[in-house]
């Protein structure tokens, strides 16, 4: 793993904090974008850990009667059956034909193009038999 000199590391972090993109930092400093990305991740992780530790006070000086940190419940998720699909797939009328084409070993992209030709009106192109 390459390690940047302290002055270059400080430069990268300062430019990231100013809001410059990784590409712009690469152009200005000549440091590889992957290296910049790694230092950005390390810097963000350090900031997160610092703020995370300051949100919850230590249990030693707090008299809450509980030794467990507060836990947030995730928001409820809607049931999958609450909003059932109103219509089936646009390909449903062509299911039989599509399955037959797959059995014949046709390419999925070619099948898609043919189904698309069936569904879209013909404008300035010849019809091709399916």
C-alpha atoms as a PDB file:
ATOM      1  CA  UNK A   1       0.000   0.000   0.000  1.00  0.00           C
ATOM      2  CA  UNK A   2       1.387   3.396  -0.982  1.00  0.00           C
ATOM      3  CA  UNK A   3       1.583   5.942   1.825  1.00  0.00           C
ATOM      4  CA  UNK A   4       1.454   9.649   1.078  1.00  0.00           C
ATOM      5  CA  UNK A   5       3.839  12.066   2.718  1.00  0.00           C
ATOM      6  CA  UNK A   6       2.150  14.057   5.503  1.00  0.00           C
ATOM      7  CA  UNK A   7       2.082  17.286   3.485  1.00  0.00           C
ATOM      8  CA  UNK A   8       0.378  15.599   0.500  1.00  0.00           C
ATOM      9  CA  UNK A   9      -2.098  13.829   2.795  1.00  0.00           C
ATOM     10  CA  UNK A  10      -2.980  17.193   4.400  1.00  0.00           C
ATOM     11  CA  UNK A  11      -3.378  18.713   0.934  1.00  0.00           C
ATOM     12  CA  UNK A  12      -5.749  15.953  -0.174  1.00  0.00           C
ATOM     13  CA  UNK A  13      -7.859  16.221   2.986  1.00  0.00           C
ATOM     14  CA  UNK A  14      -7.997  20.025   2.750  1.00  0.00           C
ATOM     15  CA  UNK A  15      -9.108  19.914  -0.883  1.00  0.00           C
ATOM     16  CA  UNK A  16     -11.721  17.249  -0.079  1.00  0.00           C
ATOM     17  CA  UNK A  17     -13.092  19.396   2.736  1.00  0.00           C
ATOM     18  CA  UNK A  18     -13.300  22.342   0.334  1.00  0.00           C
ATOM     19  CA  UNK A  19     -15.561  20.202  -1.846  1.00  0.00           C
ATOM     20  CA  UNK A  20     -13.266  19.490  -4.781  1.00  0.00           C
ATOM     21  CA  UNK A  21     -13.915  16.265  -6.655  1.00  0.00           C
ATOM     22  CA  UNK A  22     -11.375  13.464  -6.683  1.00  0.00           C
ATOM     23  CA  UNK A  23     -10.684  14.142 -10.373  1.00  0.00           C
ATOM     24  CA  UNK A  24      -9.960  17.805  -9.694  1.00  0.00           C
ATOM     25  CA  UNK A  25      -7.604  16.873  -6.856  1.00  0.00           C
ATOM     26  CA  UNK A  26      -5.912  14.403  -9.212  1.00  0.00           C
ATOM     27  CA  UNK A  27      -5.387  17.147 -11.813  1.00  0.00           C
ATOM     28  CA  UNK A  28      -4.026  19.642  -9.285  1.00  0.00           C
ATOM     29  CA  UNK A  29      -1.745  17.323  -7.305  1.00  0.00           C
ATOM     30  CA  UNK A  30      -0.961  14.451  -9.669  1.00  0.00           C
ATOM     31  CA  UNK A  31      -1.965  11.906  -7.004  1.00  0.00           C
ATOM     32  CA  UNK A  32      -3.759   8.820  -8.315  1.00  0.00           C
ATOM     33  CA  UNK A  33      -7.569   8.960  -7.964  1.00  0.00           C
ATOM     34  CA  UNK A  34      -7.657   5.578  -6.211  1.00  0.00           C
ATOM     35  CA  UNK A  35      -5.226   6.877  -3.599  1.00  0.00           C
ATOM     36  CA  UNK A  36      -7.352  10.004  -3.164  1.00  0.00           C
ATOM     37  CA  UNK A  37     -10.467   7.829  -2.797  1.00  0.00           C
ATOM     38  CA  UNK A  38      -8.760   5.694  -0.137  1.00  0.00           C
ATOM     39  CA  UNK A  39      -7.717   8.740   1.887  1.00  0.00           C
ATOM     40  CA  UNK A  40     -11.216  10.236   1.497  1.00  0.00           C
ATOM     41  CA  UNK A  41     -12.743   7.035   2.880  1.00  0.00           C
ATOM     42  CA  UNK A  42     -10.286   6.961   5.779  1.00  0.00           C
ATOM     43  CA  UNK A  43     -10.990  10.622   6.527  1.00  0.00           C
ATOM     44  CA  UNK A  44     -14.785  10.164   6.407  1.00  0.00           C
ATOM     45  CA  UNK A  45     -14.518   7.071   8.615  1.00  0.00           C
ATOM     46  CA  UNK A  46     -12.441   9.019  11.167  1.00  0.00           C
ATOM     47  CA  UNK A  47     -14.970  11.871  11.171  1.00  0.00           C
ATOM     48  CA  UNK A  48     -17.856   9.392  11.608  1.00  0.00           C
ATOM     49  CA  UNK A  49     -16.135   7.632  14.519  1.00  0.00           C
ATOM     50  CA  UNK A  50     -15.372  10.986  16.127  1.00  0.00           C
ATOM     51  CA  UNK A  51     -18.982  12.189  15.891  1.00  0.00           C
ATOM     52  CA  UNK A  52     -20.321   8.765  16.862  1.00  0.00           C
ATOM     53  CA  UNK A  53     -18.316   8.809  20.078  1.00  0.00           C
ATOM     54  CA  UNK A  54     -19.424  12.366  20.901  1.00  0.00           C
ATOM     55  CA  UNK A  55     -23.147  11.591  20.407  1.00  0.00           C
ATOM     56  CA  UNK A  56     -23.314   9.030  23.203  1.00  0.00           C
ATOM     57  CA  UNK A  57     -21.686  10.011  26.467  1.00  0.00           C
ATOM     58  CA  UNK A  58     -19.686   7.411  28.305  1.00  0.00           C
ATOM     59  CA  UNK A  59     -21.599   5.324  30.802  1.00  0.00           C
ATOM     60  CA  UNK A  60     -19.196   6.127  33.633  1.00  0.00           C
ATOM     61  CA  UNK A  61     -20.411   9.691  34.271  1.00  0.00           C
ATOM     62  CA  UNK A  62     -24.094   9.194  33.443  1.00  0.00           C
ATOM     63  CA  UNK A  63     -26.695   7.990  35.910  1.00  0.00           C
ATOM     64  CA  UNK A  64     -29.468   6.655  33.693  1.00  0.00           C
ATOM     65  CA  UNK A  65     -30.186   3.447  35.540  1.00  0.00           C
ATOM     66  CA  UNK A  66     -29.371   1.534  32.378  1.00  0.00           C
ATOM     67  CA  UNK A  67     -26.087   0.320  30.992  1.00  0.00           C
ATOM     68  CA  UNK A  68     -27.408  -0.081  27.428  1.00  0.00           C
ATOM     69  CA  UNK A  69     -26.964   2.550  24.729  1.00  0.00           C
ATOM     70  CA  UNK A  70     -30.196   3.762  23.084  1.00  0.00           C
ATOM     71  CA  UNK A  71     -31.184   1.787  19.997  1.00  0.00           C
ATOM     72  CA  UNK A  72     -33.306   3.219  17.222  1.00  0.00           C
ATOM     73  CA  UNK A  73     -36.013   1.113  15.661  1.00  0.00           C
ATOM     74  CA  UNK A  74     -36.009   1.061  11.871  1.00  0.00           C
ATOM     75  CA  UNK A  75     -39.026   2.659  10.177  1.00  0.00           C
ATOM     76  CA  UNK A  76     -41.785   0.221   9.250  1.00  0.00           C
ATOM     77  CA  UNK A  77     -41.668  -1.106   5.715  1.00  0.00           C
ATOM     78  CA  UNK A  78     -44.829  -1.392   3.651  1.00  0.00           C
ATOM     79  CA  UNK A  79     -46.061  -4.880   3.027  1.00  0.00           C
ATOM     80  CA  UNK A  80     -45.278  -6.320  -0.379  1.00  0.00           C
ATOM     81  CA  UNK A  81     -48.937  -7.217  -0.855  1.00  0.00           C
ATOM     82  CA  UNK A  82     -50.277  -3.718  -0.099  1.00  0.00           C
ATOM     83  CA  UNK A  83     -49.671  -2.514  -3.655  1.00  0.00           C
ATOM     84  CA  UNK A  84     -50.061  -5.483  -5.972  1.00  0.00           C
ATOM     85  CA  UNK A  85     -49.210  -4.826  -9.620  1.00  0.00           C
ATOM     86  CA  UNK A  86     -52.260  -3.656 -11.540  1.00  0.00           C
ATOM     87  CA  UNK A  87     -51.168  -4.963 -14.927  1.00  0.00           C
ATOM     88  CA  UNK A  88     -48.982  -7.836 -15.924  1.00  0.00           C
ATOM     89  CA  UNK A  89     -45.901  -7.506 -18.050  1.00  0.00           C
ATOM     90  CA  UNK A  90     -46.169  -5.952 -21.504  1.00  0.00           C
ATOM     91  CA  UNK A  91     -44.593  -9.177 -22.777  1.00  0.00           C
ATOM     92  CA  UNK A  92     -47.277 -11.402 -21.264  1.00  0.00           C
ATOM     93  CA  UNK A  93     -49.294 -11.674 -24.514  1.00  0.00           C
ATOM     94  CA  UNK A  94     -46.104 -12.866 -26.231  1.00  0.00           C
ATOM     95  CA  UNK A  95     -45.016 -15.332 -23.518  1.00  0.00           C
ATOM     96  CA  UNK A  96     -45.669 -18.451 -25.591  1.00  0.00           C
ATOM     97  CA  UNK A  97     -43.711 -17.124 -28.581  1.00  0.00           C
ATOM     98  CA  UNK A  98     -40.817 -15.906 -26.369  1.00  0.00           C
ATOM     99  CA  UNK A  99     -40.536 -19.272 -24.600  1.00  0.00           C
ATOM    100  CA  UNK A 100     -40.495 -21.041 -27.946  1.00  0.00           C
ATOM    101  CA  UNK A 101     -37.712 -18.750 -29.190  1.00  0.00           C
ATOM    102  CA  UNK A 102     -35.705 -19.477 -26.033  1.00  0.00           C
ATOM    103  CA  UNK A 103     -36.133 -23.207 -26.578  1.00  0.00           C
ATOM    104  CA  UNK A 104     -34.783 -22.725 -30.095  1.00  0.00           C
ATOM    105  CA  UNK A 105     -31.675 -21.128 -28.582  1.00  0.00           C
ATOM    106  CA  UNK A 106     -32.244 -17.585 -29.837  1.00  0.00           C
ATOM    107  CA  UNK A 107     -30.348 -14.687 -28.344  1.00  0.00           C
ATOM    108  CA  UNK A 108     -32.348 -12.690 -25.757  1.00  0.00           C
ATOM    109  CA  UNK A 109     -31.449  -9.400 -27.477  1.00  0.00           C
ATOM    110  CA  UNK A 110     -32.783 -10.638 -30.801  1.00  0.00           C
ATOM    111  CA  UNK A 111     -35.997 -11.789 -29.127  1.00  0.00           C
ATOM    112  CA  UNK A 112     -36.309  -8.390 -27.460  1.00  0.00           C
ATOM    113  CA  UNK A 113     -35.893  -6.575 -30.779  1.00  0.00           C
ATOM    114  CA  UNK A 114     -38.541  -8.743 -32.416  1.00  0.00           C
ATOM    115  CA  UNK A 115     -41.013  -8.214 -29.583  1.00  0.00           C
ATOM    116  CA  UNK A 116     -40.303  -4.485 -29.719  1.00  0.00           C
ATOM    117  CA  UNK A 117     -41.041  -4.486 -33.439  1.00  0.00           C
ATOM    118  CA  UNK A 118     -44.355  -6.185 -32.732  1.00  0.00           C
ATOM    119  CA  UNK A 119     -45.286  -3.607 -30.090  1.00  0.00           C
ATOM    120  CA  UNK A 120     -44.196  -0.389 -31.828  1.00  0.00           C
ATOM    121  CA  UNK A 121     -45.866   1.044 -34.909  1.00  0.00           C
ATOM    122  CA  UNK A 122     -43.963   0.780 -38.149  1.00  0.00           C
ATOM    123  CA  UNK A 123     -42.590   4.158 -39.247  1.00  0.00           C
ATOM    124  CA  UNK A 124     -40.257   4.421 -42.224  1.00  0.00           C
ATOM    125  CA  UNK A 125     -38.977   0.864 -42.006  1.00  0.00           C
ATOM    126  CA  UNK A 126     -39.796  -2.380 -43.693  1.00  0.00           C
ATOM    127  CA  UNK A 127     -41.641  -5.046 -41.768  1.00  0.00           C
ATOM    128  CA  UNK A 128     -39.583  -8.126 -41.152  1.00  0.00           C
ATOM    129  CA  UNK A 129     -41.329 -11.447 -40.728  1.00  0.00           C
ATOM    130  CA  UNK A 130     -40.901 -13.065 -37.340  1.00  0.00           C
END
